[in-house]
Amino acid sequence: MTEIGSIHTFDDSGFLRWITGCALAVLLAGAALLIVAVSALHLVPFGPAGALGSMPIWIRIGISLASLAGTLILHELTHALLFKLLAPAGARVTFGANWRVGMIFACAQGVIYTRRHYQMIAVAPSVAVSGLALALGAATGDLLVGLGVGILHLSCCTGDWGYLRAIRRNAAITHCEDMLWGVRFYGDGPGAFDDRGACPRHDSSGGS
């Protein structure tokens, strides 16, 4: 097994530009979606209030922003859960932050995952946490707040999407090693993997 690439998440200017552009695109598309949703619901001849709710818009915005912190915590816990479930016994998951670029993260330092498993870990919060926000919005009778929270959360998922993009664009990648500074990519070659497709590997260059 040979290392064929890596992403130094906090120091790769091209990667940071890409995820920032994606985040802005999500916010703009989300704002357009909210406008369309409000307009469409007002055209319904009966029952729009149940979906729109009755709170003033400034309260909705405040709730959405306040809820963002909760979604980010759930986001990293989702990563951590899958890191743990898909790793061999004894693997350690840690949490950290890089305030210079405004990121928090979960990390399974030095654990190598199969391509498929790492993609699952990367995409899971985008689906699960944003879906939960929508479901809670619908359940509490204010779908717009749920949409707002879901959109804000998705705008914070673009780092994960950057990993997915790199993996999907390179069919030679077979395994991914999670690191405190980002991710290493490996191609075909000799390597000892257990029957779940992952093995622990410690690397002093990543810190602990």
N, C-alpha and C. Protein backbone atom coordinates (compact mmCIF):
# COMPACT_ATOMS: atom_id res chain seq x y z
N MET A 1 0.85 -1.19 0.00
CA MET A 1 0.00 0.00 0.00
C MET A 1 0.89 1.24 0.00
N THR A 2 0.58 2.18 -0.88
CA THR A 2 1.42 3.35 -1.07
C THR A 2 0.63 4.63 -0.87
N GLU A 3 1.23 5.59 -0.18
CA GLU A 3 0.58 6.89 -0.05
C GLU A 3 0.60 7.59 -1.40
N ILE A 4 -0.57 8.05 -1.85
CA ILE A 4 -0.66 8.68 -3.17
C ILE A 4 -1.19 10.11 -3.10
N GLY A 5 -1.42 10.61 -1.91
CA GLY A 5 -1.90 11.98 -1.79
C GLY A 5 -2.32 12.29 -0.37
N SER A 6 -2.61 13.56 -0.13
CA SER A 6 -3.06 13.98 1.19
C SER A 6 -3.72 15.35 1.08
N ILE A 7 -4.48 15.70 2.11
CA ILE A 7 -5.04 17.04 2.23
C ILE A 7 -4.65 17.58 3.60
N HIS A 8 -3.89 18.66 3.62
CA HIS A 8 -3.57 19.36 4.86
C HIS A 8 -4.65 20.42 5.05
N THR A 9 -5.71 20.03 5.71
CA THR A 9 -6.95 20.79 5.73
C THR A 9 -6.78 22.25 6.10
N PHE A 10 -5.99 22.54 7.11
CA PHE A 10 -5.91 23.89 7.64
C PHE A 10 -4.89 24.77 6.92
N ASP A 11 -4.07 24.17 6.06
CA ASP A 11 -2.99 24.92 5.41
C ASP A 11 -3.05 24.91 3.89
N ASP A 12 -3.96 24.13 3.32
CA ASP A 12 -4.09 24.04 1.87
C ASP A 12 -4.98 25.18 1.39
N SER A 13 -4.39 26.22 0.82
CA SER A 13 -5.16 27.41 0.43
C SER A 13 -6.19 27.10 -0.64
N GLY A 14 -5.85 26.21 -1.58
CA GLY A 14 -6.81 25.84 -2.61
C GLY A 14 -8.02 25.12 -2.03
N PHE A 15 -7.76 24.21 -1.11
CA PHE A 15 -8.84 23.49 -0.45
C PHE A 15 -9.72 24.44 0.35
N LEU A 16 -9.10 25.36 1.08
CA LEU A 16 -9.86 26.32 1.88
C LEU A 16 -10.70 27.24 1.00
N ARG A 17 -10.15 27.66 -0.15
CA ARG A 17 -10.94 28.49 -1.07
C ARG A 17 -12.14 27.72 -1.59
N TRP A 18 -11.92 26.44 -1.91
CA TRP A 18 -13.02 25.64 -2.47
C TRP A 18 -14.14 25.46 -1.46
N ILE A 19 -13.81 25.12 -0.22
CA ILE A 19 -14.87 24.88 0.76
C ILE A 19 -15.56 26.19 1.15
N THR A 20 -14.82 27.31 1.13
CA THR A 20 -15.45 28.60 1.42
C THR A 20 -16.42 28.97 0.31
N GLY A 21 -16.02 28.76 -0.94
CA GLY A 21 -16.92 29.03 -2.06
C GLY A 21 -18.17 28.17 -2.01
N CYS A 22 -18.00 26.90 -1.65
CA CYS A 22 -19.15 26.00 -1.53
C CYS A 22 -20.08 26.46 -0.41
N ALA A 23 -19.51 26.90 0.70
CA ALA A 23 -20.34 27.36 1.82
C ALA A 23 -21.17 28.57 1.42
N LEU A 24 -20.56 29.51 0.71
CA LEU A 24 -21.30 30.69 0.24
C LEU A 24 -22.39 30.28 -0.74
N ALA A 25 -22.08 29.32 -1.62
CA ALA A 25 -23.08 28.85 -2.58
C ALA A 25 -24.26 28.20 -1.87
N VAL A 26 -23.99 27.43 -0.82
CA VAL A 26 -25.06 26.80 -0.04
C VAL A 26 -25.94 27.86 0.61
N LEU A 27 -25.32 28.89 1.17
CA LEU A 27 -26.09 29.94 1.84
C LEU A 27 -26.96 30.71 0.84
N LEU A 28 -26.41 31.01 -0.33
CA LEU A 28 -27.19 31.72 -1.35
C LEU A 28 -28.33 30.86 -1.87
N ALA A 29 -28.03 29.59 -2.16
CA ALA A 29 -29.07 28.68 -2.63
C ALA A 29 -30.12 28.46 -1.55
N GLY A 30 -29.67 28.38 -0.30
CA GLY A 30 -30.61 28.21 0.80
C GLY A 30 -31.53 29.40 0.97
N ALA A 31 -30.97 30.61 0.84
CA ALA A 31 -31.80 31.81 0.94
C ALA A 31 -32.86 31.83 -0.17
N ALA A 32 -32.44 31.44 -1.38
CA ALA A 32 -33.40 31.38 -2.48
C ALA A 32 -34.48 30.34 -2.21
N LEU A 33 -34.08 29.20 -1.64
CA LEU A 33 -35.04 28.14 -1.32
C LEU A 33 -36.05 28.62 -0.29
N LEU A 34 -35.59 29.34 0.72
CA LEU A 34 -36.50 29.85 1.74
C LEU A 34 -37.51 30.83 1.15
N ILE A 35 -37.04 31.69 0.25
CA ILE A 35 -37.95 32.64 -0.40
C ILE A 35 -39.00 31.91 -1.22
N VAL A 36 -38.55 30.90 -1.97
CA VAL A 36 -39.49 30.11 -2.77
C VAL A 36 -40.47 29.37 -1.87
N ALA A 37 -39.97 28.81 -0.76
CA ALA A 37 -40.84 28.06 0.15
C ALA A 37 -41.92 28.95 0.75
N VAL A 38 -41.53 30.15 1.19
CA VAL A 38 -42.51 31.07 1.76
C VAL A 38 -43.54 31.47 0.72
N SER A 39 -43.07 31.79 -0.48
CA SER A 39 -43.99 32.19 -1.55
C SER A 39 -44.95 31.06 -1.91
N ALA A 40 -44.42 29.84 -2.01
CA ALA A 40 -45.26 28.70 -2.38
C ALA A 40 -46.30 28.40 -1.31
N LEU A 41 -45.90 28.47 -0.05
CA LEU A 41 -46.84 28.17 1.03
C LEU A 41 -47.95 29.22 1.13
N HIS A 42 -47.64 30.45 0.77
CA HIS A 42 -48.67 31.49 0.79
C HIS A 42 -49.69 31.30 -0.33
N LEU A 43 -49.31 30.53 -1.35
CA LEU A 43 -50.24 30.27 -2.45
C LEU A 43 -51.20 29.13 -2.14
N VAL A 44 -50.87 28.34 -1.10
CA VAL A 44 -51.76 27.24 -0.72
C VAL A 44 -53.04 27.82 -0.12
N PRO A 45 -54.20 27.41 -0.60
CA PRO A 45 -55.44 28.03 -0.14
C PRO A 45 -55.81 27.70 1.29
N PHE A 46 -55.19 26.68 1.89
CA PHE A 46 -55.53 26.35 3.28
C PHE A 46 -54.31 25.75 3.97
N GLY A 47 -54.19 26.06 5.24
CA GLY A 47 -53.19 25.42 6.10
C GLY A 47 -51.75 25.87 6.00
N PRO A 48 -51.39 27.02 5.37
CA PRO A 48 -49.97 27.35 5.31
C PRO A 48 -49.37 27.72 6.65
N ALA A 49 -50.20 28.22 7.57
CA ALA A 49 -49.65 28.65 8.86
C ALA A 49 -49.00 27.51 9.63
N GLY A 50 -49.51 26.29 9.44
CA GLY A 50 -48.94 25.15 10.14
C GLY A 50 -47.50 24.90 9.76
N ALA A 51 -47.17 25.20 8.49
CA ALA A 51 -45.80 25.00 8.04
C ALA A 51 -44.94 26.24 8.26
N LEU A 52 -45.57 27.41 8.11
CA LEU A 52 -44.82 28.65 8.26
C LEU A 52 -44.59 29.02 9.71
N GLY A 53 -45.49 28.63 10.60
CA GLY A 53 -45.40 29.05 11.98
C GLY A 53 -45.84 30.49 12.13
N SER A 54 -45.85 30.96 13.36
CA SER A 54 -46.35 32.31 13.62
C SER A 54 -45.32 33.24 14.24
N MET A 55 -44.07 32.80 14.40
CA MET A 55 -43.05 33.63 15.02
C MET A 55 -42.57 34.72 14.07
N PRO A 56 -42.21 35.88 14.60
CA PRO A 56 -41.60 36.92 13.77
C PRO A 56 -40.30 36.42 13.16
N ILE A 57 -39.95 36.99 12.01
CA ILE A 57 -38.79 36.51 11.28
C ILE A 57 -37.50 36.67 12.08
N TRP A 58 -37.39 37.74 12.88
CA TRP A 58 -36.15 37.96 13.63
C TRP A 58 -35.95 36.91 14.71
N ILE A 59 -37.07 36.41 15.26
CA ILE A 59 -36.97 35.33 16.25
C ILE A 59 -36.53 34.04 15.56
N ARG A 60 -37.08 33.81 14.37
CA ARG A 60 -36.67 32.62 13.61
C ARG A 60 -35.18 32.65 13.30
N ILE A 61 -34.70 33.81 12.87
CA ILE A 61 -33.27 33.93 12.55
C ILE A 61 -32.43 33.67 13.81
N GLY A 62 -32.86 34.23 14.93
CA GLY A 62 -32.14 34.01 16.18
C GLY A 62 -32.11 32.55 16.59
N ILE A 63 -33.24 31.87 16.46
CA ILE A 63 -33.31 30.45 16.80
C ILE A 63 -32.39 29.64 15.89
N SER A 64 -32.42 29.98 14.59
CA SER A 64 -31.59 29.25 13.64
C SER A 64 -30.11 29.40 13.96
N LEU A 65 -29.69 30.64 14.27
CA LEU A 65 -28.28 30.87 14.59
C LEU A 65 -27.89 30.20 15.90
N ALA A 66 -28.79 30.27 16.90
CA ALA A 66 -28.50 29.63 18.18
C ALA A 66 -28.43 28.11 18.04
N SER A 67 -29.26 27.57 17.16
CA SER A 67 -29.28 26.11 16.96
C SER A 67 -28.06 25.62 16.21
N LEU A 68 -27.38 26.53 15.51
CA LEU A 68 -26.22 26.11 14.73
C LEU A 68 -25.16 25.45 15.60
N ALA A 69 -24.94 26.00 16.80
CA ALA A 69 -23.94 25.41 17.70
C ALA A 69 -24.31 23.96 18.03
N GLY A 70 -25.59 23.72 18.27
CA GLY A 70 -26.03 22.36 18.56
C GLY A 70 -25.82 21.42 17.39
N THR A 71 -26.09 21.91 16.17
CA THR A 71 -25.90 21.04 15.00
C THR A 71 -24.42 20.73 14.79
N LEU A 72 -23.54 21.68 15.10
CA LEU A 72 -22.11 21.42 14.93
C LEU A 72 -21.61 20.37 15.92
N ILE A 73 -22.15 20.41 17.13
CA ILE A 73 -21.80 19.38 18.12
C ILE A 73 -22.29 18.02 17.64
N LEU A 74 -23.55 17.96 17.19
CA LEU A 74 -24.09 16.71 16.66
C LEU A 74 -23.30 16.24 15.44
N HIS A 75 -22.87 17.18 14.62
CA HIS A 75 -22.07 16.86 13.43
C HIS A 75 -20.81 16.09 13.82
N GLU A 76 -20.06 16.63 14.77
CA GLU A 76 -18.82 15.97 15.17
C GLU A 76 -19.06 14.68 15.93
N LEU A 77 -20.14 14.62 16.69
CA LEU A 77 -20.48 13.37 17.38
C LEU A 77 -20.85 12.28 16.37
N THR A 78 -21.50 12.67 15.27
CA THR A 78 -21.83 11.70 14.22
C THR A 78 -20.55 11.15 13.59
N HIS A 79 -19.61 12.05 13.25
CA HIS A 79 -18.31 11.59 12.76
C HIS A 79 -17.67 10.63 13.77
N ALA A 80 -17.66 11.04 15.05
CA ALA A 80 -16.98 10.26 16.08
C ALA A 80 -17.60 8.87 16.21
N LEU A 81 -18.93 8.80 16.16
CA LEU A 81 -19.61 7.52 16.28
C LEU A 81 -19.19 6.57 15.16
N LEU A 82 -19.18 7.07 13.93
CA LEU A 82 -18.80 6.22 12.81
C LEU A 82 -17.30 5.91 12.81
N PHE A 83 -16.49 6.88 13.20
CA PHE A 83 -15.06 6.59 13.36
C PHE A 83 -14.86 5.39 14.28
N LYS A 84 -15.60 5.38 15.38
CA LYS A 84 -15.46 4.32 16.38
C LYS A 84 -16.04 3.00 15.87
N LEU A 85 -17.23 3.05 15.29
CA LEU A 85 -17.89 1.83 14.83
C LEU A 85 -17.12 1.13 13.72
N LEU A 86 -16.46 1.91 12.85
CA LEU A 86 -15.80 1.33 11.69
C LEU A 86 -14.31 1.10 11.91
N ALA A 87 -13.83 1.36 13.12
CA ALA A 87 -12.42 1.14 13.44
C ALA A 87 -12.27 -0.15 14.23
N PRO A 88 -11.07 -0.69 14.29
CA PRO A 88 -10.83 -1.88 15.12
C PRO A 88 -10.95 -1.53 16.60
N ALA A 89 -11.13 -2.54 17.42
CA ALA A 89 -11.26 -2.32 18.87
C ALA A 89 -10.03 -1.59 19.40
N GLY A 90 -10.28 -0.66 20.30
CA GLY A 90 -9.19 0.07 20.92
C GLY A 90 -8.83 1.38 20.24
N ALA A 91 -9.40 1.64 19.07
CA ALA A 91 -9.12 2.90 18.39
C ALA A 91 -9.66 4.07 19.21
N ARG A 92 -8.93 5.16 19.22
CA ARG A 92 -9.29 6.31 20.04
C ARG A 92 -9.75 7.47 19.16
N VAL A 93 -10.87 8.06 19.52
CA VAL A 93 -11.40 9.23 18.81
C VAL A 93 -11.25 10.45 19.70
N THR A 94 -10.71 11.52 19.14
CA THR A 94 -10.52 12.75 19.90
C THR A 94 -11.22 13.91 19.19
N PHE A 95 -11.34 15.01 19.90
CA PHE A 95 -11.96 16.22 19.34
C PHE A 95 -10.97 17.37 19.45
N GLY A 96 -11.07 18.30 18.51
CA GLY A 96 -10.17 19.44 18.54
C GLY A 96 -10.74 20.60 17.75
N ALA A 97 -9.95 21.66 17.67
CA ALA A 97 -10.38 22.85 16.95
C ALA A 97 -9.16 23.57 16.39
N ASN A 98 -9.35 24.21 15.25
CA ASN A 98 -8.36 25.11 14.70
C ASN A 98 -9.05 26.46 14.54
N TRP A 99 -8.85 27.33 15.51
CA TRP A 99 -9.58 28.60 15.52
C TRP A 99 -9.10 29.55 14.43
N ARG A 100 -7.88 29.34 13.93
CA ARG A 100 -7.36 30.19 12.86
C ARG A 100 -8.24 30.13 11.62
N VAL A 101 -8.75 28.93 11.32
CA VAL A 101 -9.62 28.78 10.16
C VAL A 101 -11.08 28.54 10.57
N GLY A 102 -11.35 28.58 11.87
CA GLY A 102 -12.72 28.46 12.34
C GLY A 102 -13.32 27.08 12.17
N MET A 103 -12.56 26.03 12.47
CA MET A 103 -13.05 24.67 12.32
C MET A 103 -12.94 23.90 13.63
N ILE A 104 -13.95 23.09 13.92
CA ILE A 104 -13.84 22.07 14.96
C ILE A 104 -13.87 20.72 14.27
N PHE A 105 -13.36 19.69 14.94
CA PHE A 105 -13.27 18.40 14.25
C PHE A 105 -13.21 17.25 15.24
N ALA A 106 -13.62 16.08 14.73
CA ALA A 106 -13.39 14.80 15.40
C ALA A 106 -12.29 14.10 14.61
N CYS A 107 -11.47 13.34 15.29
CA CYS A 107 -10.34 12.71 14.62
C CYS A 107 -10.08 11.32 15.18
N ALA A 108 -9.87 10.37 14.29
CA ALA A 108 -9.40 9.03 14.66
C ALA A 108 -7.95 8.94 14.19
N GLN A 109 -7.07 9.62 14.90
CA GLN A 109 -5.68 9.79 14.50
C GLN A 109 -5.01 8.47 14.15
N GLY A 110 -4.51 8.39 12.91
CA GLY A 110 -3.72 7.25 12.49
C GLY A 110 -4.49 5.99 12.15
N VAL A 111 -5.83 6.03 12.16
CA VAL A 111 -6.61 4.85 11.79
C VAL A 111 -6.86 4.89 10.28
N ILE A 112 -6.61 3.77 9.63
CA ILE A 112 -6.81 3.68 8.19
C ILE A 112 -8.15 3.01 7.90
N TYR A 113 -8.95 3.68 7.10
CA TYR A 113 -10.29 3.18 6.73
C TYR A 113 -10.32 2.88 5.24
N THR A 114 -11.21 1.97 4.86
CA THR A 114 -11.40 1.73 3.45
C THR A 114 -12.01 2.96 2.79
N ARG A 115 -11.87 3.04 1.50
CA ARG A 115 -12.45 4.14 0.72
C ARG A 115 -13.93 4.30 1.03
N ARG A 116 -14.67 3.18 0.98
CA ARG A 116 -16.12 3.23 1.20
C ARG A 116 -16.46 3.70 2.61
N HIS A 117 -15.76 3.17 3.60
CA HIS A 117 -16.04 3.56 4.98
C HIS A 117 -15.74 5.03 5.23
N TYR A 118 -14.64 5.52 4.65
CA TYR A 118 -14.30 6.93 4.89
C TYR A 118 -15.31 7.86 4.23
N GLN A 119 -15.81 7.46 3.07
CA GLN A 119 -16.86 8.25 2.44
C GLN A 119 -18.13 8.26 3.29
N MET A 120 -18.46 7.13 3.88
CA MET A 120 -19.62 7.06 4.78
C MET A 120 -19.44 8.01 5.96
N ILE A 121 -18.25 8.00 6.55
CA ILE A 121 -17.96 8.86 7.70
C ILE A 121 -18.08 10.33 7.30
N ALA A 122 -17.58 10.66 6.11
CA ALA A 122 -17.58 12.05 5.67
C ALA A 122 -18.98 12.58 5.38
N VAL A 123 -19.82 11.76 4.75
CA VAL A 123 -21.13 12.25 4.31
C VAL A 123 -22.21 12.16 5.38
N ALA A 124 -22.01 11.32 6.38
CA ALA A 124 -23.08 11.04 7.35
C ALA A 124 -23.67 12.28 8.02
N PRO A 125 -22.87 13.22 8.53
CA PRO A 125 -23.49 14.38 9.20
C PRO A 125 -24.32 15.25 8.26
N SER A 126 -23.89 15.39 7.01
CA SER A 126 -24.67 16.19 6.06
C SER A 126 -26.09 15.67 5.94
N VAL A 127 -26.21 14.35 5.90
CA VAL A 127 -27.53 13.73 5.74
C VAL A 127 -28.27 13.67 7.07
N ALA A 128 -27.62 13.14 8.10
CA ALA A 128 -28.31 12.86 9.36
C ALA A 128 -28.67 14.13 10.12
N VAL A 129 -27.73 15.05 10.27
CA VAL A 129 -27.98 16.23 11.10
C VAL A 129 -28.91 17.22 10.40
N SER A 130 -28.69 17.46 9.11
CA SER A 130 -29.59 18.36 8.39
C SER A 130 -30.98 17.75 8.28
N GLY A 131 -31.06 16.44 8.08
CA GLY A 131 -32.36 15.77 8.06
C GLY A 131 -33.07 15.88 9.39
N LEU A 132 -32.32 15.76 10.48
CA LEU A 132 -32.91 15.91 11.81
C LEU A 132 -33.46 17.32 12.01
N ALA A 133 -32.74 18.33 11.53
CA ALA A 133 -33.21 19.71 11.66
C ALA A 133 -34.53 19.91 10.93
N LEU A 134 -34.63 19.36 9.73
CA LEU A 134 -35.88 19.46 8.97
C LEU A 134 -37.01 18.73 9.68
N ALA A 135 -36.72 17.54 10.20
CA ALA A 135 -37.75 16.75 10.88
C ALA A 135 -38.25 17.47 12.13
N LEU A 136 -37.33 18.05 12.90
CA LEU A 136 -37.73 18.77 14.11
C LEU A 136 -38.53 20.02 13.77
N GLY A 137 -38.15 20.69 12.69
CA GLY A 137 -38.91 21.85 12.25
C GLY A 137 -40.33 21.49 11.89
N ALA A 138 -40.48 20.39 11.16
CA ALA A 138 -41.82 19.93 10.79
C ALA A 138 -42.61 19.49 12.01
N ALA A 139 -41.94 18.80 12.94
CA ALA A 139 -42.63 18.27 14.12
C ALA A 139 -43.09 19.38 15.06
N THR A 140 -42.34 20.48 15.10
CA THR A 140 -42.70 21.58 16.00
C THR A 140 -43.57 22.63 15.33
N GLY A 141 -43.94 22.38 14.09
CA GLY A 141 -44.86 23.29 13.40
C GLY A 141 -44.21 24.51 12.80
N ASP A 142 -42.90 24.52 12.63
CA ASP A 142 -42.24 25.65 11.98
C ASP A 142 -41.16 25.12 11.05
N LEU A 143 -41.61 24.73 9.86
CA LEU A 143 -40.71 24.14 8.88
C LEU A 143 -39.63 25.12 8.44
N LEU A 144 -39.94 26.41 8.45
CA LEU A 144 -38.96 27.39 8.00
C LEU A 144 -37.75 27.44 8.92
N VAL A 145 -37.98 27.31 10.23
CA VAL A 145 -36.85 27.26 11.16
C VAL A 145 -36.02 26.01 10.89
N GLY A 146 -36.70 24.88 10.67
CA GLY A 146 -35.99 23.65 10.35
C GLY A 146 -35.15 23.79 9.09
N LEU A 147 -35.73 24.44 8.06
CA LEU A 147 -34.99 24.67 6.82
C LEU A 147 -33.79 25.57 7.07
N GLY A 148 -34.02 26.62 7.86
CA GLY A 148 -32.93 27.55 8.14
C GLY A 148 -31.77 26.89 8.86
N VAL A 149 -32.09 26.09 9.88
CA VAL A 149 -31.05 25.39 10.63
C VAL A 149 -30.33 24.39 9.73
N GLY A 150 -31.11 23.65 8.92
CA GLY A 150 -30.51 22.67 8.02
C GLY A 150 -29.58 23.31 7.02
N ILE A 151 -29.97 24.47 6.48
CA ILE A 151 -29.13 25.16 5.50
C ILE A 151 -27.85 25.68 6.15
N LEU A 152 -27.98 26.29 7.32
CA LEU A 152 -26.78 26.77 8.02
C LEU A 152 -25.83 25.61 8.32
N HIS A 153 -26.39 24.47 8.73
CA HIS A 153 -25.53 23.32 9.01
C HIS A 153 -24.84 22.83 7.74
N LEU A 154 -25.58 22.74 6.64
CA LEU A 154 -24.98 22.27 5.39
C LEU A 154 -23.83 23.18 4.95
N SER A 155 -23.95 24.48 5.22
CA SER A 155 -22.88 25.40 4.84
C SER A 155 -21.60 25.12 5.63
N CYS A 156 -21.72 24.40 6.72
CA CYS A 156 -20.55 24.03 7.54
C CYS A 156 -20.04 22.62 7.23
N CYS A 157 -20.64 21.97 6.25
CA CYS A 157 -20.27 20.59 5.89
C CYS A 157 -19.30 20.53 4.72
N THR A 158 -18.91 21.68 4.18
CA THR A 158 -18.19 21.67 2.91
C THR A 158 -16.77 21.11 3.02
N GLY A 159 -16.19 21.12 4.24
CA GLY A 159 -14.90 20.45 4.40
C GLY A 159 -15.02 18.96 4.15
N ASP A 160 -16.09 18.37 4.65
CA ASP A 160 -16.36 16.95 4.38
C ASP A 160 -16.54 16.72 2.89
N TRP A 161 -17.25 17.63 2.24
CA TRP A 161 -17.49 17.50 0.80
C TRP A 161 -16.18 17.60 0.02
N GLY A 162 -15.25 18.41 0.53
CA GLY A 162 -13.95 18.51 -0.12
C GLY A 162 -13.20 17.19 -0.07
N TYR A 163 -13.28 16.49 1.06
CA TYR A 163 -12.69 15.15 1.14
C TYR A 163 -13.35 14.20 0.15
N LEU A 164 -14.69 14.22 0.14
CA LEU A 164 -15.43 13.34 -0.77
C LEU A 164 -15.07 13.64 -2.22
N ARG A 165 -14.95 14.90 -2.55
CA ARG A 165 -14.60 15.31 -3.92
C ARG A 165 -13.24 14.74 -4.31
N ALA A 166 -12.27 14.85 -3.41
CA ALA A 166 -10.93 14.34 -3.71
C ALA A 166 -10.95 12.83 -3.91
N ILE A 167 -11.70 12.13 -3.06
CA ILE A 167 -11.77 10.67 -3.16
C ILE A 167 -12.48 10.25 -4.44
N ARG A 168 -13.61 10.90 -4.75
CA ARG A 168 -14.39 10.52 -5.92
C ARG A 168 -13.64 10.81 -7.22
N ARG A 169 -12.76 11.81 -7.20
CA ARG A 169 -12.05 12.18 -8.42
C ARG A 169 -10.83 11.31 -8.67
N ASN A 170 -10.46 10.48 -7.72
CA ASN A 170 -9.29 9.63 -7.87
C ASN A 170 -9.65 8.18 -7.57
N ALA A 171 -9.90 7.42 -8.63
CA ALA A 171 -10.31 6.03 -8.47
C ALA A 171 -9.21 5.16 -7.89
N ALA A 172 -7.97 5.66 -7.89
CA ALA A 172 -6.86 4.87 -7.37
C ALA A 172 -6.85 4.82 -5.85
N ILE A 173 -7.57 5.73 -5.20
CA ILE A 173 -7.59 5.75 -3.73
C ILE A 173 -8.38 4.55 -3.21
N THR A 174 -7.75 3.74 -2.39
CA THR A 174 -8.42 2.57 -1.81
C THR A 174 -8.61 2.70 -0.30
N HIS A 175 -7.75 3.49 0.35
CA HIS A 175 -7.83 3.65 1.80
C HIS A 175 -7.50 5.09 2.19
N CYS A 176 -8.03 5.49 3.33
CA CYS A 176 -7.82 6.85 3.84
C CYS A 176 -7.40 6.78 5.30
N GLU A 177 -6.37 7.53 5.65
CA GLU A 177 -5.88 7.56 7.02
C GLU A 177 -6.25 8.90 7.65
N ASP A 178 -7.03 8.87 8.70
CA ASP A 178 -7.44 10.11 9.35
C ASP A 178 -6.29 10.66 10.17
N MET A 179 -6.06 11.96 10.03
CA MET A 179 -4.97 12.63 10.74
C MET A 179 -5.49 13.90 11.41
N LEU A 180 -4.80 14.35 12.44
CA LEU A 180 -5.19 15.59 13.11
C LEU A 180 -5.12 16.78 12.17
N TRP A 181 -4.23 16.72 11.19
CA TRP A 181 -4.08 17.83 10.25
C TRP A 181 -4.89 17.65 8.97
N GLY A 182 -5.54 16.51 8.80
CA GLY A 182 -6.31 16.28 7.57
C GLY A 182 -6.47 14.80 7.28
N VAL A 183 -6.06 14.39 6.08
CA VAL A 183 -6.25 13.00 5.67
C VAL A 183 -5.15 12.60 4.69
N ARG A 184 -4.72 11.34 4.79
CA ARG A 184 -3.79 10.75 3.83
C ARG A 184 -4.55 9.75 2.97
N PHE A 185 -4.19 9.69 1.70
CA PHE A 185 -4.81 8.75 0.77
C PHE A 185 -3.79 7.70 0.34
N TYR A 186 -4.27 6.45 0.25
CA TYR A 186 -3.41 5.33 -0.15
C TYR A 186 -4.02 4.59 -1.33
N GLY A 187 -3.11 4.00 -2.14
CA GLY A 187 -3.53 3.18 -3.26
C GLY A 187 -3.21 1.72 -3.02
N ASP A 188 -3.43 0.91 -4.05
CA ASP A 188 -3.23 -0.53 -3.93
C ASP A 188 -1.78 -0.84 -3.57
N GLY A 189 -1.65 -1.89 -2.77
CA GLY A 189 -0.33 -2.32 -2.37
C GLY A 189 -0.43 -3.21 -1.15
N PRO A 190 0.69 -3.73 -0.67
CA PRO A 190 0.64 -4.62 0.49
C PRO A 190 0.23 -3.88 1.75
N GLY A 191 -0.53 -4.53 2.59
CA GLY A 191 -0.96 -3.94 3.84
C GLY A 191 -1.74 -4.95 4.64
N ALA A 192 -1.68 -4.85 5.94
CA ALA A 192 -2.38 -5.79 6.81
C ALA A 192 -3.65 -5.15 7.34
N PHE A 193 -4.79 -5.64 6.86
CA PHE A 193 -6.07 -5.11 7.29
C PHE A 193 -6.92 -6.22 7.89
N ASP A 194 -7.70 -5.84 8.90
CA ASP A 194 -8.59 -6.83 9.48
C ASP A 194 -9.82 -7.00 8.60
N ASP A 195 -10.75 -7.86 9.04
CA ASP A 195 -11.89 -8.19 8.18
C ASP A 195 -12.90 -7.05 8.09
N ARG A 196 -12.68 -5.94 8.84
CA ARG A 196 -13.55 -4.78 8.69
C ARG A 196 -12.89 -3.72 7.83
N GLY A 197 -11.71 -4.04 7.29
CA GLY A 197 -11.08 -3.13 6.36
C GLY A 197 -10.38 -1.95 7.01
N ALA A 198 -10.01 -2.05 8.27
CA ALA A 198 -9.33 -0.93 8.92
C ALA A 198 -8.26 -1.46 9.86
N CYS A 199 -7.20 -0.71 10.02
CA CYS A 199 -6.19 -1.10 10.99
C CYS A 199 -5.60 0.16 11.60
N PRO A 200 -5.19 0.09 12.87
CA PRO A 200 -4.61 1.27 13.50
C PRO A 200 -3.20 1.51 13.00
N ARG A 201 -2.87 2.77 12.83
CA ARG A 201 -1.50 3.09 12.46
C ARG A 201 -1.16 4.39 13.15
N HIS A 202 -0.05 4.44 13.86
CA HIS A 202 0.31 5.63 14.61
C HIS A 202 1.41 6.37 13.86
N ASP A 203 1.27 7.69 13.80
CA ASP A 203 2.22 8.51 13.08
C ASP A 203 2.55 9.72 13.93
N SER A 204 3.79 9.83 14.34
CA SER A 204 4.15 10.90 15.26
C SER A 204 4.07 12.27 14.62
N SER A 205 4.08 12.36 13.27
CA SER A 205 4.06 13.66 12.63
C SER A 205 2.74 14.36 12.77
N GLY A 206 1.67 13.63 13.10
CA GLY A 206 0.35 14.25 13.21
C GLY A 206 0.05 14.79 14.58
N GLY A 207 0.86 14.49 15.58
CA GLY A 207 0.57 14.93 16.94
C GLY A 207 -0.39 13.98 17.61
N SER A 208 -0.84 14.35 18.82
CA SER A 208 -1.78 13.51 19.54
C SER A 208 -2.58 14.34 20.51
